[in-house]
């Protein structure tokens, strides 16, 4: 009798929590998810730009104290004299080697945390889990400020990087935020638009961060710039407090079985019989998503080294403006035009367009020999990121609502491991070719994007043929029904 009463009480509690969650979803405070993502990407962009430019500056100062950059606003090309032309290449080789170790050390903890956080957000709520990556970035920033102030050896910076990765990094923020969007939108083009708006919030944060990063470094230096990001990041905790819950948390306890179940739930879409009808689409999207993250995210560190060296010799301010141009052309404009694209094109065709744009970007960047030509690369490749954003929407529409967290958890884990894998591969290639032909990593990316284009075309053609089949079947059913009625 008491057991029945207990079960009834738990059922009433769960139903009341669900009602509360539904009421909270109607609150306008749910739109705070946009400002939250904006502030997180803003501070993360400032942080990443600062440390990526600090590494070669710090190594040059340590290895060549008599010839190194005397001011933090200077270009890497000024860190050497005419009689020592190989110093810049040595600095780049050392930093590229460090990037390989950083990618290896960050990959595994970030992978595990993202696998767990996705399914945990289904169980314990999106709002609660957003605190974890937020605190991870804040702790990493504080440690970096201390390390920069005391000028420690380069490899000590692996510690804050591992902490950031262990707390989920940006991948956890996006997978939980995307699950939140899935909770408050319908499984239709409205969800695609909602995902695009969330991406736009993050893109604006990236844009603003890229623009002001160079000027902050120029005026404040690296240490105070990262300290500034700590202060701004702290304000984002207020957003989490005000954000309403989208799903009620459960009373179930955490255990090893839950961990194993989380792993299984995150990857079930690609092998489970339950999804046999759409498994082909999940797996094609997976290939496109993997290559996209290797090239779009994994290349960042190496690309920075590439543009601060001859023949471009970008200063921190120019690096900021180049990255801002990329953000405008590849992130902001496509997200603004997403409704126009969706009006005339299917989700699958947009992935084809994105692959073509990506190829255009890297071909122009490979051929570029001047600053003007390099700045034209993002213009030619303005749809580079669009296809990979749409991939999330394609698989989200195919997935039941109660498995959105698991889906995004798996995608975040895949995104994590292949972003770091791409960083490791491109850094290793750059390290070994910087003295001969440092454009080799760009040629390798072009080859990968050709594969993406082929997969995107297959996805589009197969989806289109299935739609025609369904249309023909529905017409046959209508004809059969009409004949049946006429008999009577």
Protein backbone atom coordinates (compact mmCIF):
# COMPACT_ATOMS: atom_id res chain seq x y z
CA UNK A 1 0.00 0.00 0.00
CA UNK A 2 2.80 2.39 0.95
CA UNK A 3 4.64 1.49 -2.28
CA UNK A 4 1.54 2.42 -4.31
CA UNK A 5 1.26 5.70 -2.42
CA UNK A 6 4.94 6.39 -3.08
CA UNK A 7 4.53 5.70 -6.79
CA UNK A 8 1.45 7.92 -6.92
CA UNK A 9 3.32 10.70 -5.15
CA UNK A 10 6.27 10.41 -7.58
CA UNK A 11 3.83 10.46 -10.52
CA UNK A 12 2.12 13.59 -9.18
CA UNK A 13 5.51 15.24 -8.61
CA UNK A 14 6.67 14.41 -12.14
CA UNK A 15 3.43 15.69 -13.70
CA UNK A 16 3.62 18.91 -11.66
CA UNK A 17 7.24 19.39 -12.75
CA UNK A 18 6.23 18.88 -16.37
CA UNK A 19 3.44 21.44 -16.03
CA UNK A 20 5.88 23.89 -14.45
CA UNK A 21 8.34 23.31 -17.31
CA UNK A 22 5.58 23.96 -19.88
CA UNK A 23 4.64 27.21 -18.15
CA UNK A 24 8.29 28.30 -18.04
CA UNK A 25 8.75 27.58 -21.76
CA UNK A 26 6.05 30.17 -22.55
CA UNK A 27 8.05 32.78 -20.61
CA UNK A 28 9.97 35.28 -22.71
CA UNK A 29 13.01 34.59 -20.54
CA UNK A 30 13.58 31.52 -22.72
CA UNK A 31 15.07 33.88 -25.33
CA UNK A 32 17.98 34.52 -22.93
CA UNK A 33 19.57 31.42 -24.46
CA UNK A 34 20.64 33.72 -27.33
CA UNK A 35 22.45 36.31 -25.16
CA UNK A 36 24.01 33.46 -23.17
CA UNK A 37 25.53 31.91 -26.31
CA UNK A 38 26.57 35.39 -27.52
CA UNK A 39 28.51 36.18 -24.33
CA UNK A 40 30.10 32.75 -24.22
CA UNK A 41 31.36 32.90 -27.80
CA UNK A 42 32.49 36.51 -27.34
CA UNK A 43 34.66 35.70 -24.33
CA UNK A 44 35.89 32.41 -25.81
CA UNK A 45 36.91 34.18 -29.04
CA UNK A 46 38.82 36.84 -27.11
CA UNK A 47 40.48 34.12 -25.04
CA UNK A 48 41.42 31.91 -28.02
CA UNK A 49 42.70 34.81 -30.14
CA UNK A 50 44.83 36.06 -27.25
CA UNK A 51 46.48 32.73 -26.47
CA UNK A 52 46.95 31.74 -30.14
CA UNK A 53 48.86 34.98 -30.76
CA UNK A 54 50.61 34.84 -27.39
CA UNK A 55 52.21 31.43 -28.07
CA UNK A 56 54.49 32.52 -30.97
CA UNK A 57 55.23 35.81 -29.20
CA UNK A 58 56.18 33.94 -26.01
CA UNK A 59 58.27 31.28 -27.82
CA UNK A 60 60.08 33.92 -29.91
CA UNK A 61 60.90 35.89 -26.80
CA UNK A 62 62.22 32.77 -25.03
CA UNK A 63 64.26 31.34 -27.93
CA UNK A 64 65.59 34.58 -29.41
CA UNK A 65 65.63 37.23 -26.66
CA UNK A 66 67.93 39.53 -28.65
CA UNK A 67 65.82 39.43 -31.82
CA UNK A 68 62.28 38.76 -30.59
CA UNK A 69 59.28 41.01 -30.80
CA UNK A 70 59.68 43.87 -28.37
CA UNK A 71 56.04 44.90 -28.46
CA UNK A 72 52.99 42.67 -28.27
CA UNK A 73 51.32 44.53 -31.14
CA UNK A 74 54.11 43.61 -33.57
CA UNK A 75 53.96 40.98 -36.30
CA UNK A 76 55.81 37.67 -36.10
CA UNK A 77 57.85 38.72 -39.17
CA UNK A 78 59.42 41.45 -37.00
CA UNK A 79 60.68 38.87 -34.52
CA UNK A 80 63.69 38.16 -36.69
CA UNK A 81 66.51 40.10 -38.31
CA UNK A 82 67.52 39.96 -41.94
CA UNK A 83 70.57 37.84 -41.02
CA UNK A 84 68.40 35.25 -39.19
CA UNK A 85 65.57 34.50 -41.60
CA UNK A 86 64.89 31.00 -40.21
CA UNK A 87 63.93 32.15 -36.71
CA UNK A 88 60.33 32.76 -37.70
CA UNK A 89 60.09 29.23 -39.12
CA UNK A 90 61.62 27.76 -35.96
CA UNK A 91 59.08 29.62 -33.79
CA UNK A 92 56.21 28.39 -35.97
CA UNK A 93 57.52 24.83 -35.87
CA UNK A 94 57.70 24.87 -32.05
CA UNK A 95 54.17 26.30 -31.72
CA UNK A 96 52.80 23.81 -34.26
CA UNK A 97 54.37 20.95 -32.31
CA UNK A 98 52.78 22.28 -29.12
CA UNK A 99 49.41 22.41 -30.92
CA UNK A 100 49.74 18.70 -31.73
CA UNK A 101 50.21 17.84 -28.03
CA UNK A 102 47.41 20.24 -27.04
CA UNK A 103 44.99 18.56 -29.47
CA UNK A 104 45.92 15.10 -28.16
CA UNK A 105 45.63 16.06 -24.48
CA UNK A 106 42.34 17.95 -24.92
CA UNK A 107 40.60 15.48 -27.21
CA UNK A 108 39.83 12.61 -24.82
CA UNK A 109 38.51 14.62 -21.81
CA UNK A 110 36.42 16.80 -24.11
CA UNK A 111 35.03 13.74 -25.87
CA UNK A 112 33.97 12.01 -22.63
CA UNK A 113 32.44 15.15 -21.12
CA UNK A 114 30.35 15.87 -24.22
CA UNK A 115 29.08 12.31 -24.48
CA UNK A 116 27.89 12.46 -20.88
CA UNK A 117 26.57 16.03 -20.84
CA UNK A 118 24.21 15.45 -23.78
CA UNK A 119 22.27 12.60 -22.22
CA UNK A 120 22.56 14.14 -18.75
CA UNK A 121 20.77 17.23 -20.04
CA UNK A 122 17.82 15.01 -21.03
CA UNK A 123 17.79 13.64 -17.50
CA UNK A 124 18.66 16.63 -15.31
CA UNK A 125 17.64 19.60 -17.48
CA UNK A 126 19.43 21.90 -19.94
CA UNK A 127 19.71 24.91 -17.65
CA UNK A 128 21.57 23.06 -14.89
CA UNK A 129 24.11 21.54 -17.29
CA UNK A 130 25.00 24.92 -18.88
CA UNK A 131 26.79 25.85 -15.66
CA UNK A 132 29.50 23.21 -16.26
CA UNK A 133 31.10 24.56 -19.50
CA UNK A 134 30.62 28.12 -18.23
CA UNK A 135 32.69 27.45 -15.11
CA UNK A 136 35.22 25.48 -17.17
CA UNK A 137 36.00 28.48 -19.38
CA UNK A 138 36.14 30.83 -16.39
CA UNK A 139 38.63 28.63 -14.49
CA UNK A 140 40.80 28.19 -17.60
CA UNK A 141 40.90 31.95 -18.17
CA UNK A 142 41.97 32.66 -14.58
CA UNK A 143 44.80 30.10 -14.78
CA UNK A 144 46.01 31.55 -18.10
CA UNK A 145 46.12 35.05 -16.58
CA UNK A 146 48.39 33.75 -13.80
CA UNK A 147 50.62 31.81 -16.24
CA UNK A 148 51.01 34.81 -18.53
CA UNK A 149 51.83 37.08 -15.60
CA UNK A 150 54.63 34.82 -14.29
CA UNK A 151 55.72 33.82 -17.86
CA UNK A 152 55.82 30.04 -17.46
CA UNK A 153 57.06 27.54 -20.04
CA UNK A 154 54.77 27.00 -23.04
CA UNK A 155 53.77 23.45 -22.08
CA UNK A 156 52.30 24.59 -18.73
CA UNK A 157 49.45 26.03 -20.80
CA UNK A 158 48.28 22.49 -21.42
CA UNK A 159 46.73 22.55 -17.92
CA UNK A 160 44.06 25.23 -18.55
CA UNK A 161 43.43 23.71 -21.98
CA UNK A 162 42.73 20.28 -20.44
CA UNK A 163 40.45 21.87 -17.81
CA UNK A 164 38.51 23.71 -20.52
CA UNK A 165 38.17 20.48 -22.50
CA UNK A 166 37.17 18.42 -19.45
CA UNK A 167 34.27 20.79 -18.78
CA UNK A 168 32.98 20.41 -22.33
CA UNK A 169 34.40 23.51 -24.07
CA UNK A 170 32.25 25.29 -26.68
CA UNK A 171 30.94 21.96 -27.94
CA UNK A 172 29.02 21.35 -24.70
CA UNK A 173 27.56 24.86 -24.79
CA UNK A 174 26.20 24.37 -28.28
CA UNK A 175 24.88 20.85 -27.84
CA UNK A 176 22.96 21.80 -24.68
CA UNK A 177 21.75 25.08 -26.20
CA UNK A 178 20.63 23.28 -29.36
CA UNK A 179 18.73 20.76 -27.22
CA UNK A 180 17.10 23.72 -25.47
CA UNK A 181 16.04 25.12 -28.87
CA UNK A 182 14.62 21.71 -29.81
CA UNK A 183 12.55 21.75 -26.59
CA UNK A 184 10.93 25.11 -27.35
CA UNK A 185 10.36 24.70 -31.12
CA UNK A 186 8.38 22.34 -33.36
CA UNK A 187 10.06 19.70 -35.55
CA UNK A 188 9.77 21.68 -38.78
CA UNK A 189 11.44 24.57 -40.59
CA UNK A 190 10.73 26.59 -37.43
CA UNK A 191 13.32 24.46 -35.67
CA UNK A 192 15.78 25.03 -38.50
CA UNK A 193 15.18 28.76 -38.14
CA UNK A 194 15.56 28.54 -34.35
CA UNK A 195 18.86 26.70 -34.73
CA UNK A 196 19.99 29.32 -37.24
CA UNK A 197 19.13 32.14 -34.80
CA UNK A 198 21.12 30.42 -32.07
CA UNK A 199 24.05 30.02 -34.45
CA UNK A 200 23.66 33.70 -35.38
CA UNK A 201 23.90 34.72 -31.70
CA UNK A 202 27.14 32.79 -31.43
CA UNK A 203 28.40 34.16 -34.73
CA UNK A 204 27.83 37.76 -33.62
CA UNK A 205 29.84 36.98 -30.48
CA UNK A 206 32.64 35.57 -32.64
CA UNK A 207 32.52 38.63 -34.93
CA UNK A 208 32.69 41.17 -32.12
CA UNK A 209 35.41 39.17 -30.37
CA UNK A 210 37.54 39.04 -33.52
CA UNK A 211 37.19 42.78 -34.16
CA UNK A 212 38.12 43.97 -30.68
CA UNK A 213 40.69 41.26 -29.83
CA UNK A 214 43.54 42.86 -31.80
CA UNK A 215 42.83 46.33 -30.40
CA UNK A 216 42.65 45.03 -26.82
CA UNK A 217 45.97 43.21 -27.24
CA UNK A 218 47.49 46.31 -28.78
CA UNK A 219 46.36 48.59 -25.96
CA UNK A 220 46.30 46.27 -22.91
CA UNK A 221 48.63 43.41 -23.79
CA UNK A 222 47.86 39.69 -23.64
CA UNK A 223 47.51 39.30 -19.87
CA UNK A 224 45.04 42.13 -19.28
CA UNK A 225 43.01 41.10 -22.34
CA UNK A 226 42.44 37.62 -20.90
CA UNK A 227 41.66 39.19 -17.50
CA UNK A 228 39.02 41.32 -19.24
CA UNK A 229 37.41 38.16 -20.64
CA UNK A 230 37.17 36.72 -17.10
CA UNK A 231 35.16 39.72 -15.94
CA UNK A 232 32.78 39.60 -18.92
CA UNK A 233 32.38 35.83 -18.61
CA UNK A 234 31.30 36.13 -14.97
CA UNK A 235 28.24 38.12 -16.11
CA UNK A 236 26.99 35.10 -18.04
CA UNK A 237 26.23 33.27 -14.81
CA UNK A 238 23.32 35.72 -14.36
CA UNK A 239 21.88 34.57 -17.70
CA UNK A 240 21.85 30.97 -16.51
CA UNK A 241 20.02 31.91 -13.29
CA UNK A 242 17.31 33.80 -15.23
CA UNK A 243 16.92 31.19 -17.98
CA UNK A 244 13.74 29.07 -17.50
CA UNK A 245 13.95 25.27 -17.51
CA UNK A 246 12.79 23.59 -20.72
CA UNK A 247 12.54 20.03 -19.35
CA UNK A 248 12.00 18.90 -15.74
CA UNK A 249 14.92 17.18 -14.01
CA UNK A 250 14.42 13.61 -12.78
CA UNK A 251 15.05 12.11 -9.36
CA UNK A 252 17.13 9.19 -10.70
CA UNK A 253 20.64 8.74 -9.32
CA UNK A 254 23.84 8.78 -11.35
CA UNK A 255 25.55 5.40 -11.82
CA UNK A 256 27.86 3.41 -14.13
CA UNK A 257 24.77 2.03 -15.88
CA UNK A 258 23.70 5.59 -16.66
CA UNK A 259 27.15 6.29 -18.14
CA UNK A 260 26.95 3.22 -20.40
CA UNK A 261 23.38 4.09 -21.35
CA UNK A 262 24.47 7.63 -22.21
CA UNK A 263 27.14 6.30 -24.55
CA UNK A 264 24.66 3.98 -26.23
CA UNK A 265 21.96 6.63 -26.54
CA UNK A 266 24.35 9.14 -28.11
CA UNK A 267 25.31 6.88 -31.03
CA UNK A 268 22.21 4.70 -31.49
CA UNK A 269 21.08 6.69 -34.53
CA UNK A 270 23.92 5.39 -36.69
CA UNK A 271 23.53 1.64 -36.10
CA UNK A 272 20.26 0.85 -34.26
CA UNK A 273 17.48 -1.14 -35.96
CA UNK A 274 15.04 1.39 -34.51
CA UNK A 275 16.36 3.96 -37.01
CA UNK A 276 16.84 1.57 -39.94
CA UNK A 277 14.54 3.61 -42.20
CA UNK A 278 16.59 6.79 -41.87
CA UNK A 279 19.97 5.34 -40.89
CA UNK A 280 21.38 6.05 -44.37
CA UNK A 281 20.66 9.74 -43.86
CA UNK A 282 22.20 9.80 -40.37
CA UNK A 283 25.40 8.21 -41.67
CA UNK A 284 25.75 10.42 -44.74
CA UNK A 285 25.21 13.46 -42.54
CA UNK A 286 27.79 12.06 -40.13
CA UNK A 287 30.50 11.92 -42.83
CA UNK A 288 29.76 15.49 -43.92
CA UNK A 289 29.71 16.65 -40.29
CA UNK A 290 33.05 14.96 -39.50
CA UNK A 291 34.91 16.51 -42.43
CA UNK A 292 33.29 19.87 -41.76
CA UNK A 293 34.56 20.01 -38.20
CA UNK A 294 38.02 18.83 -39.17
CA UNK A 295 38.34 21.64 -41.72
CA UNK A 296 36.30 24.48 -40.21
CA UNK A 297 37.41 24.19 -36.57
CA UNK A 298 40.55 22.05 -36.77
CA UNK A 299 42.40 24.43 -39.08
CA UNK A 300 42.10 27.54 -36.86
CA UNK A 301 45.41 27.35 -34.98
CA UNK A 302 47.44 26.53 -38.10
CA UNK A 303 45.70 29.18 -40.17
CA UNK A 304 46.66 31.79 -37.57
CA UNK A 305 50.31 30.73 -37.83
CA UNK A 306 50.02 30.82 -41.62
CA UNK A 307 48.72 34.40 -41.86
CA UNK A 308 51.13 35.92 -39.30
CA UNK A 309 54.10 34.64 -41.34
CA UNK A 310 55.44 35.81 -44.75
CA UNK A 311 54.16 36.81 -47.23
CA UNK A 312 51.24 38.21 -45.19
CA UNK A 313 52.90 39.10 -41.86
CA UNK A 314 49.62 40.02 -40.12
CA UNK A 315 49.71 41.96 -36.85
CA UNK A 316 47.16 41.10 -34.08
CA UNK A 317 44.88 43.85 -35.40
CA UNK A 318 45.00 42.48 -38.97
CA UNK A 319 44.43 38.94 -37.67
CA UNK A 320 41.35 40.26 -35.88
CA UNK A 321 40.01 41.94 -39.01
CA UNK A 322 40.65 38.88 -41.18
CA UNK A 323 38.81 36.65 -38.71
CA UNK A 324 36.05 39.26 -38.47
CA UNK A 325 35.71 39.19 -42.26
CA UNK A 326 35.36 35.41 -42.08
CA UNK A 327 32.73 35.78 -39.35
CA UNK A 328 30.68 38.28 -41.38
CA UNK A 329 30.88 36.42 -44.69
CA UNK A 330 30.69 32.83 -43.42
CA UNK A 331 28.63 33.13 -40.24
CA UNK A 332 26.56 36.31 -40.03
CA UNK A 333 25.35 36.77 -43.62
CA UNK A 334 24.41 33.10 -44.24
CA UNK A 335 22.49 32.94 -40.96
CA UNK A 336 20.62 36.15 -41.84
CA UNK A 337 19.75 34.74 -45.26
CA UNK A 338 18.78 31.31 -43.94
CA UNK A 339 15.05 31.95 -44.41
CA UNK A 340 15.63 32.94 -48.03
CA UNK A 341 17.64 29.77 -48.62
CA UNK A 342 14.97 27.62 -46.95
CA UNK A 343 12.25 29.23 -49.05
CA UNK A 344 13.83 28.18 -52.34
CA UNK A 345 16.12 25.28 -51.42
CA UNK A 346 15.80 22.09 -49.42
CA UNK A 347 18.04 21.43 -46.42
CA UNK A 348 19.93 18.83 -48.44
CA UNK A 349 20.66 21.19 -51.34
CA UNK A 350 22.03 23.77 -48.91
CA UNK A 351 24.69 21.24 -47.87
CA UNK A 352 25.77 20.97 -51.54
CA UNK A 353 26.00 24.76 -51.74
CA UNK A 354 28.03 24.83 -48.52
CA UNK A 355 30.53 22.28 -49.86
CA UNK A 356 31.03 24.29 -53.08
CA UNK A 357 31.55 27.48 -51.05
CA UNK A 358 34.08 25.72 -48.82
CA UNK A 359 36.09 24.57 -51.84
CA UNK A 360 36.08 28.12 -53.21
CA UNK A 361 37.40 29.51 -49.92
CA UNK A 362 40.38 27.18 -49.63
CA UNK A 363 41.30 27.33 -53.32
CA UNK A 364 41.51 31.15 -53.14
CA UNK A 365 43.43 31.00 -49.83
CA UNK A 366 45.91 28.51 -51.33
CA UNK A 367 46.51 30.73 -54.37
CA UNK A 368 46.65 34.00 -52.38
CA UNK A 369 49.97 35.87 -52.34
CA UNK A 370 48.77 39.26 -51.11
CA UNK A 371 46.67 40.62 -48.25
CA UNK A 372 43.87 41.70 -50.61
CA UNK A 373 43.58 38.25 -52.21
CA UNK A 374 43.56 36.59 -48.79
CA UNK A 375 40.70 38.84 -47.65
CA UNK A 376 38.75 37.83 -50.77
CA UNK A 377 38.80 34.15 -49.75
CA UNK A 378 35.93 34.50 -47.20
CA UNK A 379 33.91 36.38 -49.82
CA UNK A 380 34.17 33.49 -52.31
CA UNK A 381 33.51 30.96 -49.57
CA UNK A 382 30.73 32.72 -47.68
CA UNK A 383 28.62 29.53 -47.40
CA UNK A 384 31.39 27.38 -45.89
CA UNK A 385 29.76 26.90 -42.49
CA UNK A 386 26.15 26.92 -43.69
CA UNK A 387 26.08 23.29 -44.77
CA UNK A 388 27.36 22.01 -41.45
CA UNK A 389 24.75 24.05 -39.56
CA UNK A 390 21.98 22.57 -41.71
CA UNK A 391 23.25 19.04 -41.05
CA UNK A 392 22.17 19.45 -37.41
CA UNK A 393 18.70 20.51 -38.52
CA UNK A 394 18.39 17.56 -40.94
CA UNK A 395 19.15 14.93 -38.28
CA UNK A 396 17.15 16.80 -35.61
CA UNK A 397 13.97 16.60 -37.70
CA UNK A 398 14.51 12.82 -38.07
CA UNK A 399 14.88 12.38 -34.28
CA UNK A 400 12.13 12.02 -31.61
CA UNK A 401 11.85 14.86 -29.11
CA UNK A 402 12.87 12.77 -26.10
CA UNK A 403 16.17 11.86 -27.81
CA UNK A 404 17.29 15.32 -28.91
CA UNK A 405 19.77 15.61 -26.04
CA UNK A 406 21.30 12.23 -26.86
CA UNK A 407 21.51 13.22 -30.55
CA UNK A 408 23.27 16.51 -29.84
CA UNK A 409 25.45 14.82 -27.23
CA UNK A 410 26.67 12.36 -29.85
CA UNK A 411 27.17 15.12 -32.42
CA UNK A 412 29.10 17.20 -29.88
CA UNK A 413 31.29 14.20 -29.06
CA UNK A 414 31.94 13.58 -32.76
CA UNK A 415 32.53 17.28 -33.34
CA UNK A 416 34.96 17.34 -30.43
CA UNK A 417 37.10 14.39 -31.40
CA UNK A 418 37.37 15.34 -35.08
CA UNK A 419 37.94 19.04 -34.41
CA UNK A 420 40.89 18.09 -32.22
CA UNK A 421 41.93 15.38 -34.66
CA UNK A 422 41.89 17.95 -37.47
CA UNK A 423 43.95 20.34 -35.34
CA UNK A 424 46.46 17.57 -34.61
CA UNK A 425 46.74 16.49 -38.27
CA UNK A 426 47.02 20.01 -39.71
CA UNK A 427 49.50 21.09 -37.00
CA UNK A 428 51.66 18.03 -37.70
CA UNK A 429 51.54 18.70 -41.46
CA UNK A 430 52.40 22.36 -40.94
CA UNK A 431 55.27 21.57 -38.58
CA UNK A 432 56.88 19.26 -41.13
CA UNK A 433 56.29 21.48 -44.17
CA UNK A 434 56.87 24.99 -42.78
CA UNK A 435 60.46 24.97 -44.10
CA UNK A 436 59.45 23.75 -47.59
CA UNK A 437 55.85 24.45 -48.63
CA UNK A 438 53.53 25.48 -45.78
CA UNK A 439 50.47 25.48 -48.08
CA UNK A 440 50.37 21.68 -48.06
CA UNK A 441 47.80 21.66 -45.23
CA UNK A 442 45.46 23.77 -47.39
CA UNK A 443 45.74 21.31 -50.28
CA UNK A 444 44.88 18.48 -47.88
CA UNK A 445 41.76 20.39 -46.77
CA UNK A 446 40.69 20.87 -50.41
CA UNK A 447 40.85 17.09 -50.95
CA UNK A 448 38.65 16.52 -47.88
CA UNK A 449 36.08 19.06 -49.10
CA UNK A 450 35.87 17.31 -52.48
CA UNK A 451 34.75 14.21 -50.53
CA UNK A 452 32.20 16.38 -48.68
CA UNK A 453 30.83 17.67 -51.98
CA UNK A 454 30.35 14.12 -53.27
CA UNK A 455 28.59 13.04 -50.06
CA UNK A 456 26.36 16.13 -50.14
CA UNK A 457 25.30 15.43 -53.72
CA UNK A 458 24.45 11.83 -52.79
CA UNK A 459 22.43 13.06 -49.78
CA UNK A 460 20.51 15.52 -51.97
CA UNK A 461 19.82 13.09 -54.79
CA UNK A 462 18.75 10.25 -52.53
CA UNK A 463 16.47 12.50 -50.43
CA UNK A 464 14.91 13.89 -53.59
CA UNK A 465 14.28 10.41 -55.04
CA UNK A 466 12.62 9.28 -51.80
CA UNK A 467 10.31 12.30 -51.85
CA UNK A 468 9.27 11.38 -55.42
CA UNK A 469 8.60 7.81 -54.30
CA UNK A 470 6.40 9.00 -51.45
CA UNK A 471 4.56 11.34 -53.84
CA UNK A 472 3.90 8.51 -56.31
CA UNK A 473 2.72 6.21 -53.53
CA UNK A 474 0.31 8.83 -52.21
CA UNK A 475 -1.12 9.30 -55.72
CA UNK A 476 -1.58 5.55 -56.08
CA UNK A 477 -3.42 5.48 -52.77
CA UNK A 478 -5.67 8.36 -53.89
CA UNK A 479 -6.44 6.59 -57.18
CA UNK A 480 -7.20 3.30 -55.39
CA UNK A 481 -9.47 5.08 -52.93
CA UNK A 482 -11.35 6.83 -55.75
CA UNK A 483 -11.92 3.55 -57.61
CA UNK A 484 -13.17 1.95 -54.42
CA UNK A 485 -15.67 4.78 -53.88
CA UNK A 486 -16.91 4.63 -57.48
CA UNK A 487 -17.82 0.95 -57.07
CA UNK A 488 -20.36 1.99 -54.51
